[in-house]
Amino acid sequence: MARVSFTSHLRKVAPTEAVHIAAGNLGNALEPVFARYPKLRGYVVDEQNRLRKHVVIFLNGERLAAADWPSHLVDEDDEIHVLQALSGG
């Protein structure tokens, strides 16, 4: 199963340890994680399932385009990192 890690800045609403998800497209594969951690969905995507502007997803070290992130295929041995950018001073 693919492995998903969430940045420490999302830990208040996300799993603290990496989780394993089924292969398939990334949008469908993350659904069980969003179902188990419902507040996480609102931090990662908006009402139209678009990535929020302060969130990036890396698949095997490559940044995914915000527009088509859900359609990317996930293989059993993939590493996914969901990061939330911080701003301010």
C-alpha atoms as a PDB file:
ATOM      1  CA  MET A   1       0.000   0.000   0.000  1.00  0.00           C
ATOM      2  CA  ALA A   2       1.115   3.567  -0.674  1.00  0.00           C
ATOM      3  CA  ARG A   3       2.331   5.610   2.301  1.00  0.00           C
ATOM      4  CA  VAL A   4       0.965   9.091   3.103  1.00  0.00           C
ATOM      5  CA  SER A   5       2.575  11.498   5.553  1.00  0.00           C
ATOM      6  CA  PHE A   6       1.164  14.808   6.703  1.00  0.00           C
ATOM      7  CA  THR A   7       3.245  17.796   7.760  1.00  0.00           C
ATOM      8  CA  SER A   8       3.437  18.452  11.474  1.00  0.00           C
ATOM      9  CA  HIS A   9       1.412  21.643  10.940  1.00  0.00           C
ATOM     10  CA  LEU A  10      -1.614  19.470  10.097  1.00  0.00           C
ATOM     11  CA  ARG A  11      -1.201  17.123  13.052  1.00  0.00           C
ATOM     12  CA  LYS A  12      -4.049  18.710  15.014  1.00  0.00           C
ATOM     13  CA  VAL A  13      -6.456  17.407  12.347  1.00  0.00           C
ATOM     14  CA  ALA A  14      -4.427  14.658  10.645  1.00  0.00           C
ATOM     15  CA  PRO A  15      -2.888  11.335  11.652  1.00  0.00           C
ATOM     16  CA  THR A  16       0.352  11.773  13.576  1.00  0.00           C
ATOM     17  CA  GLU A  17       1.953   8.782  11.871  1.00  0.00           C
ATOM     18  CA  ALA A  18       2.087   7.905   8.197  1.00  0.00           C
ATOM     19  CA  VAL A  19      -0.951   6.023   6.930  1.00  0.00           C
ATOM     20  CA  HIS A  20      -1.192   3.446   4.186  1.00  0.00           C
ATOM     21  CA  ILE A  21      -3.706   3.874   1.400  1.00  0.00           C
ATOM     22  CA  ALA A  22      -4.871   1.673  -1.434  1.00  0.00           C
ATOM     23  CA  ALA A  23      -3.549   2.157  -4.931  1.00  0.00           C
ATOM     24  CA  GLY A  24      -5.725   3.931  -7.465  1.00  0.00           C
ATOM     25  CA  ASN A  25      -6.128   7.607  -8.149  1.00  0.00           C
ATOM     26  CA  LEU A  26      -5.021   9.907  -5.353  1.00  0.00           C
ATOM     27  CA  GLY A  27      -8.403  11.549  -4.890  1.00  0.00           C
ATOM     28  CA  ASN A  28     -10.163   8.248  -4.221  1.00  0.00           C
ATOM     29  CA  ALA A  29      -7.260   6.853  -2.232  1.00  0.00           C
ATOM     30  CA  LEU A  30      -7.376   9.761   0.248  1.00  0.00           C
ATOM     31  CA  GLU A  31     -11.137   9.441   0.835  1.00  0.00           C
ATOM     32  CA  PRO A  32     -10.786   6.909   3.699  1.00  0.00           C
ATOM     33  CA  VAL A  33      -8.288   9.234   5.406  1.00  0.00           C
ATOM     34  CA  PHE A  34     -10.664  12.185   5.051  1.00  0.00           C
ATOM     35  CA  ALA A  35     -13.515  10.028   6.359  1.00  0.00           C
ATOM     36  CA  ARG A  36     -11.523   9.065   9.450  1.00  0.00           C
ATOM     37  CA  TYR A  37     -10.219  12.619   9.997  1.00  0.00           C
ATOM     38  CA  PRO A  38     -13.088  14.825   8.747  1.00  0.00           C
ATOM     39  CA  LYS A  39     -11.499  18.151   9.758  1.00  0.00           C
ATOM     40  CA  LEU A  40      -8.475  17.307   7.607  1.00  0.00           C
ATOM     41  CA  ARG A  41     -10.498  17.583   4.393  1.00  0.00           C
ATOM     42  CA  GLY A  42     -11.237  21.272   5.046  1.00  0.00           C
ATOM     43  CA  TYR A  43      -7.572  22.032   5.570  1.00  0.00           C
ATOM     44  CA  VAL A  44      -6.473  20.251   2.392  1.00  0.00           C
ATOM     45  CA  VAL A  45      -9.260  20.923  -0.129  1.00  0.00           C
ATOM     46  CA  ASP A  46     -12.056  23.435  -0.616  1.00  0.00           C
ATOM     47  CA  GLU A  47     -15.743  22.784  -1.339  1.00  0.00           C
ATOM     48  CA  GLN A  48     -14.971  22.036  -5.010  1.00  0.00           C
ATOM     49  CA  ASN A  49     -12.279  19.502  -4.051  1.00  0.00           C
ATOM     50  CA  ARG A  50      -9.503  21.851  -5.182  1.00  0.00           C
ATOM     51  CA  LEU A  51      -6.284  21.996  -3.201  1.00  0.00           C
ATOM     52  CA  ARG A  52      -6.209  24.994  -0.943  1.00  0.00           C
ATOM     53  CA  LYS A  53      -3.629  27.551  -2.034  1.00  0.00           C
ATOM     54  CA  HIS A  54      -1.464  26.917   1.034  1.00  0.00           C
ATOM     55  CA  VAL A  55      -1.307  23.116   0.522  1.00  0.00           C
ATOM     56  CA  VAL A  56       1.008  21.122  -1.736  1.00  0.00           C
ATOM     57  CA  ILE A  57       1.174  17.391  -2.383  1.00  0.00           C
ATOM     58  CA  PHE A  58       4.330  15.571  -3.382  1.00  0.00           C
ATOM     59  CA  LEU A  59       4.200  12.154  -5.017  1.00  0.00           C
ATOM     60  CA  ASN A  60       7.570  10.391  -4.882  1.00  0.00           C
ATOM     61  CA  GLY A  61       9.313  13.731  -4.447  1.00  0.00           C
ATOM     62  CA  GLU A  62       7.550  15.517  -7.313  1.00  0.00           C
ATOM     63  CA  ARG A  63       5.138  18.334  -6.641  1.00  0.00           C
ATOM     64  CA  LEU A  64       1.705  17.676  -8.109  1.00  0.00           C
ATOM     65  CA  ALA A  65      -0.160  20.389  -9.959  1.00  0.00           C
ATOM     66  CA  ALA A  66      -3.002  21.749  -7.871  1.00  0.00           C
ATOM     67  CA  ALA A  67      -5.468  21.456 -10.751  1.00  0.00           C
ATOM     68  CA  ASP A  68      -5.180  17.732 -11.385  1.00  0.00           C
ATOM     69  CA  TRP A  69      -3.946  16.240  -8.112  1.00  0.00           C
ATOM     70  CA  PRO A  70      -6.927  13.860  -7.631  1.00  0.00           C
ATOM     71  CA  SER A  71      -6.388  12.081 -10.944  1.00  0.00           C
ATOM     72  CA  HIS A  72      -2.761  11.065 -10.341  1.00  0.00           C
ATOM     73  CA  LEU A  73      -2.392   7.316 -10.097  1.00  0.00           C
ATOM     74  CA  VAL A  74      -0.929   5.896  -6.919  1.00  0.00           C
ATOM     75  CA  ASP A  75       1.061   2.665  -6.961  1.00  0.00           C
ATOM     76  CA  GLU A  76       1.553   0.312  -4.045  1.00  0.00           C
ATOM     77  CA  ASP A  77       5.074   1.536  -3.257  1.00  0.00           C
ATOM     78  CA  ASP A  78       4.490   5.297  -3.663  1.00  0.00           C
ATOM     79  CA  GLU A  79       5.349   7.924  -1.044  1.00  0.00           C
ATOM     80  CA  ILE A  80       2.948  10.850  -0.703  1.00  0.00           C
ATOM     81  CA  HIS A  81       3.572  13.938   1.409  1.00  0.00           C
ATOM     82  CA  VAL A  82       0.863  16.499   2.135  1.00  0.00           C
ATOM     83  CA  LEU A  83       2.342  19.821   3.239  1.00  0.00           C
ATOM     84  CA  GLN A  84       0.775  23.007   4.501  1.00  0.00           C
ATOM     85  CA  ALA A  85       2.725  26.199   3.858  1.00  0.00           C
ATOM     86  CA  LEU A  86       3.064  28.725   6.666  1.00  0.00           C
ATOM     87  CA  SER A  87       3.164  32.463   6.354  1.00  0.00           C
ATOM     88  CA  GLY A  88       3.450  35.401   8.636  1.00  0.00           C
ATOM     89  CA  GLY A  89       6.200  36.863  10.674  1.00  0.00           C
END
